Structures are given as structure tokens and as C-alpha cells.
Protein backbone atom coordinates (compact mmCIF):
# COMPACT_ATOMS: atom_id res chain seq x y z
CA UNK A 1 32.90 -14.80 17.92
CA UNK A 2 31.17 -14.42 14.21
CA UNK A 3 29.22 -11.67 13.97
CA UNK A 4 27.18 -13.03 11.50
CA UNK A 5 26.16 -16.22 10.44
CA UNK A 6 24.24 -16.11 6.39
CA UNK A 7 21.78 -19.75 5.81
CA UNK A 8 21.09 -20.39 2.53
CA UNK A 9 20.11 -23.49 1.59
CA UNK A 10 20.51 -24.14 -2.87
CA UNK A 11 18.78 -26.74 -4.86
CA UNK A 12 18.98 -27.62 -8.61
CA UNK A 13 16.20 -25.32 -9.11
CA UNK A 14 18.76 -22.52 -8.53
CA UNK A 15 20.09 -20.80 -11.23
CA UNK A 16 20.44 -17.66 -10.28
CA UNK A 17 22.43 -18.90 -7.38
CA UNK A 18 26.08 -17.58 -7.96
CA UNK A 19 24.89 -14.38 -8.52
CA UNK A 20 22.73 -14.86 -4.91
CA UNK A 21 26.44 -15.85 -3.86
CA UNK A 22 28.22 -13.08 -4.92
CA UNK A 23 26.31 -10.65 -3.34
CA UNK A 24 26.79 -12.24 -0.08
CA UNK A 25 30.27 -12.43 -0.75
CA UNK A 26 30.56 -8.41 -1.57
CA UNK A 27 28.79 -7.14 1.78
CA UNK A 28 30.54 -4.53 3.12
CA UNK A 29 30.20 -6.38 6.35
CA UNK A 30 33.15 -8.76 6.59
CA UNK A 31 32.71 -10.39 10.39
CA UNK A 32 30.49 -13.54 8.67
CA UNK A 33 30.10 -16.82 8.50
CA UNK A 34 28.41 -18.15 5.21
CA UNK A 35 26.41 -21.67 5.66
CA UNK A 36 25.10 -23.11 2.49
CA UNK A 37 23.13 -25.77 2.71
CA UNK A 38 22.82 -28.42 -0.21
CA UNK A 39 19.25 -29.46 -0.30
CA UNK A 40 19.19 -32.41 -1.85
CA UNK A 41 20.58 -31.02 -5.11
CA UNK A 42 22.94 -33.06 -7.83
CA UNK A 43 25.18 -30.56 -9.39
CA UNK A 44 25.73 -26.86 -6.27
CA UNK A 45 27.66 -28.62 -4.21
CA UNK A 46 30.36 -29.43 -7.19
CA UNK A 47 29.48 -25.91 -8.46
CA UNK A 48 29.71 -23.36 -5.47
CA UNK A 49 33.44 -25.55 -4.65
CA UNK A 50 34.40 -24.74 -8.32
CA UNK A 51 33.26 -21.07 -8.60
CA UNK A 52 34.27 -20.20 -4.91
CA UNK A 53 36.97 -20.14 -2.47
CA UNK A 54 36.42 -17.61 0.43
CA UNK A 55 37.76 -19.34 3.33
CA UNK A 56 34.19 -17.97 5.00
CA UNK A 57 31.76 -20.08 3.05
CA UNK A 58 30.78 -24.07 4.47
CA UNK A 59 28.33 -26.33 2.57
CA UNK A 60 26.78 -28.58 3.98
CA UNK A 61 25.02 -31.51 2.37
CA UNK A 62 20.99 -32.79 3.42
CA UNK A 63 18.77 -34.73 1.35
CA UNK A 64 16.29 -32.36 -0.41
CA UNK A 65 14.02 -31.14 2.79
CA UNK A 66 13.61 -27.27 2.35
CA UNK A 67 12.30 -26.88 6.10
CA UNK A 68 14.79 -29.54 7.62
CA UNK A 69 17.31 -27.31 5.63
CA UNK A 70 16.91 -23.97 6.59
CA UNK A 71 17.12 -26.12 10.86
CA UNK A 72 20.43 -27.08 9.53
CA UNK A 73 21.85 -24.27 9.28
CA UNK A 74 20.28 -22.54 11.65
CA UNK A 75 21.87 -25.13 13.80
CA UNK A 76 25.37 -24.70 12.68
CA UNK A 77 25.47 -21.50 12.74
CA UNK A 78 27.76 -19.69 14.90
CA UNK A 79 27.36 -16.43 14.80
CA UNK A 80 25.24 -13.80 16.90
CA UNK A 81 22.91 -12.95 14.40
CA UNK A 82 21.57 -15.14 11.88
CA UNK A 83 20.82 -14.08 8.60
CA UNK A 84 18.49 -15.79 6.73
CA UNK A 85 19.65 -16.05 2.37
CA UNK A 86 17.88 -17.25 -0.59
CA UNK A 87 19.63 -18.46 -4.18
CA UNK A 88 17.12 -16.18 -5.75
CA UNK A 89 17.50 -13.08 -3.94
CA UNK A 90 20.69 -10.44 -4.44
CA UNK A 91 21.41 -8.77 -1.45
CA UNK A 92 21.96 -4.85 -1.14
CA UNK A 93 25.97 -4.28 -0.53
CA UNK A 94 25.37 -3.17 3.42
CA UNK A 95 22.36 -4.91 4.07
CA UNK A 96 24.73 -7.01 6.80
CA UNK A 97 26.68 -3.89 7.92
CA UNK A 98 23.28 -2.13 8.96
CA UNK A 99 21.03 -4.99 10.15
CA UNK A 100 23.81 -5.66 12.66
CA UNK A 101 23.93 -1.79 13.29
CA UNK A 102 20.62 -2.23 14.37
CA UNK A 103 21.02 -5.73 16.67
CA UNK A 104 23.09 -4.20 18.51
CA UNK A 105 21.36 -0.76 18.98
CA UNK A 106 18.13 -2.39 20.05
CA UNK A 107 19.04 -5.41 22.22
CA UNK A 108 15.44 -6.19 22.64
CA UNK A 109 15.32 -6.91 19.54
CA UNK A 110 15.45 -10.46 18.07
CA UNK A 111 14.04 -10.15 14.70
CA UNK A 112 15.50 -7.60 11.76
CA UNK A 113 13.54 -7.41 8.56
CA UNK A 114 13.31 -5.12 5.63
CA UNK A 115 12.13 -3.44 2.51
CA UNK A 116 12.00 -4.77 -0.66
CA UNK A 117 12.83 -4.18 -4.10
CA UNK A 118 11.02 -6.57 -6.39
CA UNK A 119 12.57 -7.35 -9.76
CA UNK A 120 11.55 -9.69 -13.10
CA UNK A 121 8.95 -11.00 -14.34
CA UNK A 122 5.45 -10.05 -14.03
CA UNK A 123 6.67 -7.56 -10.85
CA UNK A 124 4.96 -4.83 -10.52
CA UNK A 125 5.43 -3.12 -7.53
CA UNK A 126 9.00 -1.87 -6.36
CA UNK A 127 8.46 -2.05 -2.33
CA UNK A 128 7.24 -4.80 -0.36
CA UNK A 129 5.97 -4.41 3.53
CA UNK A 130 6.37 -0.57 3.11
CA UNK A 131 3.56 -0.52 5.49
CA UNK A 132 5.57 -1.77 8.77
CA UNK A 133 8.21 0.41 9.74
CA UNK A 134 10.21 0.78 12.61
CA UNK A 135 9.71 -0.91 16.26
CA UNK A 136 6.47 -3.22 15.60
CA UNK A 137 4.04 -2.95 18.09
CA UNK A 138 2.64 -5.60 19.03
CA UNK A 139 3.75 -7.61 16.26
CA UNK A 140 0.79 -10.88 17.26
CA UNK A 141 -2.09 -8.82 16.48
CA UNK A 142 0.01 -7.52 13.16
CA UNK A 143 0.97 -11.37 12.68
CA UNK A 144 -2.89 -12.46 13.01
CA UNK A 145 -3.16 -9.88 9.62
CA UNK A 146 -0.98 -12.18 7.60
CA UNK A 147 2.83 -12.36 7.65
CA UNK A 148 4.56 -8.85 7.04
CA UNK A 149 8.41 -10.09 6.69
CA UNK A 150 9.67 -10.97 3.67
CA UNK A 151 11.90 -13.97 4.21
CA UNK A 152 15.37 -14.01 2.99
CA UNK A 153 15.68 -10.05 4.43
CA UNK A 154 15.42 -11.28 8.57
CA UNK A 155 18.58 -11.62 10.53
CA UNK A 156 17.01 -13.27 13.77
CA UNK A 157 18.67 -12.99 17.52
CA UNK A 158 20.44 -16.75 17.84
CA UNK A 159 20.22 -16.36 21.91
CA UNK A 160 16.93 -15.62 22.02
CA UNK A 161 16.37 -18.46 19.44
CA UNK A 162 18.17 -21.08 21.64
CA UNK A 163 16.83 -19.69 24.39
CA UNK A 164 13.02 -20.35 24.08
CA UNK A 165 14.59 -23.86 21.66
CA UNK A 166 12.85 -21.93 18.39
CA UNK A 167 13.14 -22.93 14.68
CA UNK A 168 10.79 -23.94 11.52
CA UNK A 169 8.32 -26.34 11.60
CA UNK A 170 6.79 -28.45 9.35
CA UNK A 171 4.33 -26.13 7.30
CA UNK A 172 4.82 -26.26 4.25
CA UNK A 173 5.42 -22.80 2.21
CA UNK A 174 4.77 -20.64 5.20
CA UNK A 175 7.51 -21.62 7.41
CA UNK A 176 8.67 -18.75 7.85
CA UNK A 177 4.67 -17.11 9.06
CA UNK A 178 4.49 -19.66 11.77
CA UNK A 179 8.09 -19.07 13.14
CA UNK A 180 7.32 -15.40 13.65
CA UNK A 181 4.26 -16.40 15.00
CA UNK A 182 5.93 -18.23 17.34
CA UNK A 183 8.45 -15.97 18.15
CA UNK A 184 6.10 -13.21 18.53
CA UNK A 185 4.48 -16.40 21.71
CA UNK A 186 6.96 -16.06 23.31
CA UNK A 187 7.65 -12.34 23.25
CA UNK A 188 10.08 -11.91 20.83
CA UNK A 189 10.46 -8.50 20.08
CA UNK A 190 10.03 -6.82 15.57
CA UNK A 191 11.73 -4.20 14.06
CA UNK A 192 11.49 -3.34 10.39
CA UNK A 193 13.87 -1.58 8.41
CA UNK A 194 12.09 0.99 5.84
CA UNK A 195 15.10 1.24 3.13
CA UNK A 196 14.69 -1.60 0.40
CA UNK A 197 17.83 -3.93 1.85
CA UNK A 198 17.09 -6.99 -0.90
CA UNK A 199 15.90 -7.42 -4.42
CA UNK A 200 13.94 -10.08 -4.65
CA UNK A 201 13.66 -11.93 -8.12
CA UNK A 202 10.15 -12.80 -9.24
CA UNK A 203 10.24 -16.00 -11.47
CA UNK A 204 7.63 -19.05 -12.50
CA UNK A 205 9.70 -20.80 -9.97
CA UNK A 206 8.81 -19.62 -6.77
CA UNK A 207 7.14 -20.90 -4.01
CA UNK A 208 3.90 -18.51 -4.15
CA UNK A 209 3.29 -19.17 -7.57
CA UNK A 210 3.77 -23.38 -7.70
CA UNK A 211 2.18 -23.86 -4.32
CA UNK A 212 -0.27 -21.32 -3.97
CA UNK A 213 -2.94 -23.19 -2.98
CA UNK A 214 -1.27 -25.49 -0.19
CA UNK A 215 0.60 -22.20 0.89
CA UNK A 216 -2.89 -21.03 1.19
CA UNK A 217 -3.78 -23.68 3.58
CA UNK A 218 -1.11 -23.15 5.77
CA UNK A 219 -1.02 -19.81 6.15
CA UNK A 220 -5.30 -20.00 7.19
CA UNK A 221 -3.50 -22.80 9.62
CA UNK A 222 -1.59 -20.57 10.96
CA UNK A 223 -3.81 -17.36 11.54
CA UNK A 224 -6.13 -19.83 12.70
CA UNK A 225 -3.75 -21.21 15.07
CA UNK A 226 -3.15 -17.17 16.67
CA UNK A 227 -6.72 -16.51 16.72
CA UNK A 228 -7.02 -19.66 19.19
CA UNK A 229 -3.47 -17.94 21.64
CA UNK A 230 -5.58 -15.36 21.71
CA UNK A 231 -8.11 -16.22 22.67
CA UNK A 232 -6.81 -18.95 25.58
CA UNK A 233 -4.18 -15.45 26.58
CA UNK A 234 -7.81 -14.24 27.71
CA UNK A 235 -9.70 -16.43 28.79
CA UNK A 236 -10.25 -16.26 32.08
CA UNK A 237 -11.32 -12.22 31.76
CA UNK A 238 -13.08 -13.00 28.64
CA UNK A 239 -14.41 -16.17 28.32
CA UNK A 240 -16.77 -15.40 26.09
CA UNK A 241 -14.46 -15.05 23.50
CA UNK A 242 -14.13 -18.93 24.04
CA UNK A 243 -17.83 -19.94 23.90
CA UNK A 244 -18.43 -17.15 20.38
CA UNK A 245 -14.77 -19.55 18.77
CA UNK A 246 -16.78 -23.12 19.45
CA UNK A 247 -19.70 -21.18 18.43
CA UNK A 248 -18.14 -19.65 14.97
CA UNK A 249 -16.68 -22.53 14.06
CA UNK A 250 -19.78 -24.96 14.52
CA UNK A 251 -21.56 -22.65 11.86
CA UNK A 252 -17.98 -23.11 10.02
CA UNK A 253 -18.63 -26.91 9.86
CA UNK A 254 -22.02 -26.48 8.83
CA UNK A 255 -20.54 -24.25 5.67
CA UNK A 256 -22.37 -21.05 6.78
CA UNK A 257 -18.81 -19.58 7.34
CA UNK A 258 -15.08 -19.87 6.66
CA UNK A 259 -12.08 -20.19 8.17
CA UNK A 260 -10.66 -16.94 7.23
CA UNK A 261 -13.95 -15.13 7.85
CA UNK A 262 -14.00 -16.63 11.44
CA UNK A 263 -9.63 -15.46 11.77
CA UNK A 264 -11.30 -11.42 10.30
CA UNK A 265 -13.78 -11.01 12.71
CA UNK A 266 -11.54 -11.94 15.63
CA UNK A 267 -8.63 -9.69 14.22
CA UNK A 268 -11.28 -7.05 13.63
CA UNK A 269 -12.25 -7.92 17.57
CA UNK A 270 -9.30 -8.07 18.82
CA UNK A 271 -7.40 -4.73 16.52
CA UNK A 272 -10.61 -2.59 17.83
CA UNK A 273 -10.29 -3.60 21.50
CA UNK A 274 -6.24 -3.80 21.77
CA UNK A 275 -5.91 -1.84 24.55
CA UNK A 276 -8.53 -3.89 26.91
CA UNK A 277 -7.20 -7.54 25.72
CA UNK A 278 -3.88 -9.09 26.54
CA UNK A 279 -2.25 -9.06 23.33
């Protein structure tokens, strides 16, 4: 069986694609397949076929739809685990080996992320996700504070995803945050390796820069959904939570509160009372 399926969507704008692909092919762990989904480009598939002859590569053509391309890659994966890759980023040479060993050592872990080295124009920090380390206790509580996983660091357990029928949903520019939250709701376990195993490039074409406002709205929607899920999980013992949430939403409609302020209130409430609540 293939150990890992590396999934990488690529498109016309991916001018660093060759460097990203090379970083995958040079991995010290070699029991992997490399599923590259050509996300509606006019020249990426041609470039890949011309530049790379590695038998581990499979190129799948898709119309331009990034979220659909991610799912096509995942659905065509034959590996025990799926590693998400980005055509802008560079993998540390031992990334797959280290994450594979972690997933093998911890059979209950369904999502494994790593720390990140940031480089490129405007980068101000060397590491990302430094606040999370090792096995993540109550990941849904951590996720209500925000997305603590950098997308292209992640390795996923295929059996868990297929058993729970999970994949990327149409939550533009925050589809990864949505998937992590659904995995957490389904009982998935998370682990973050405290070594920087990915070099992430900062550029003007990044989603977080080009679609900042839309990403913020989608992120707020996901956080709101997490709040509603946790209220529902505790409604039998603490019906007051539901009533309180409804009243706060009424105040939000009257513009006395924002969605962010409501989510922040419940985030603090859940965090301070985590031993009493079903999280």
C-alpha cells in the first residue's frame, strides 16, 4: 500500500510551482504518490509533463475550482495518509518521514500539522503555530480561538476521513479551517509537531492578502458555527446557553454587538468552564 498521497492543486499563477514540486520529489521518505490537480490552468499540466518524469506523479485536469480540486485529489488518493501541498511552499526534506512516523506512533491521531518557517516579501516572523505543540487537548475548544493549523503542513488519516464522509466544503478562502472544525466535531484527534517542516512563501498573490475581507467573513461564519455546535452539545444541562445566545444575536441584529464579540464571549465562557462542559 502507498504510505502517503501528496495532494497539490496548481494553476496559472503558481510561478513557484517547479520549486514546490521538486521539494516533494526530494523527500527522504519515498513511499508516496504525488497527485497534482491542474486547477483550470492553460499551461501547468504541459509544464509538469515536460519538466518531470517521476513515475510517482499523476496529473489530473480540473476546471478552475480550488476547493473542488482539493476534493478531487483526496478522492483519488490511494495512500494511508494524505499530505496537503501548496504550489507556493517548500517542504523540508524530512517532512513526510517525520509526519508518517508520528501518524504510525499515534493511531488515534487523525490530523498532524507542523510549525512553519515564513519567508518572502514582507515576512516578519520565522515561525507560525508556535503556541500549539504535541497532542491537542479538546481541539474544538482550540479551534474556536482560530485556525491553529497551517494548511500545507497537514497530514490526514484517510480511513477517518472516509469513515466520517469528510472533505472540503464551499467555504471560500477558509475551507481548511472548516474541515478542521468538522474533524474535531467528529471526534478527530490533532497533533502539532514543534519542528518547522515547511517553508511558506509570503507573496502578493496569497489568499490571505488578495481575499482578506472574504476570508474574514468566512472565518467568522465558521467560528459562529462552532459556538452553535458547542451550545447544542450542552443544551440539556445548560439550556440557558441557548437562550443567552439567542438574546445576544438579537442585540447583534440591533447593531449593539458584532458576531466577533458574541463568539469571543462564548470562547471565554467555554474556556473558563471547560471542566464543567461537554467539549
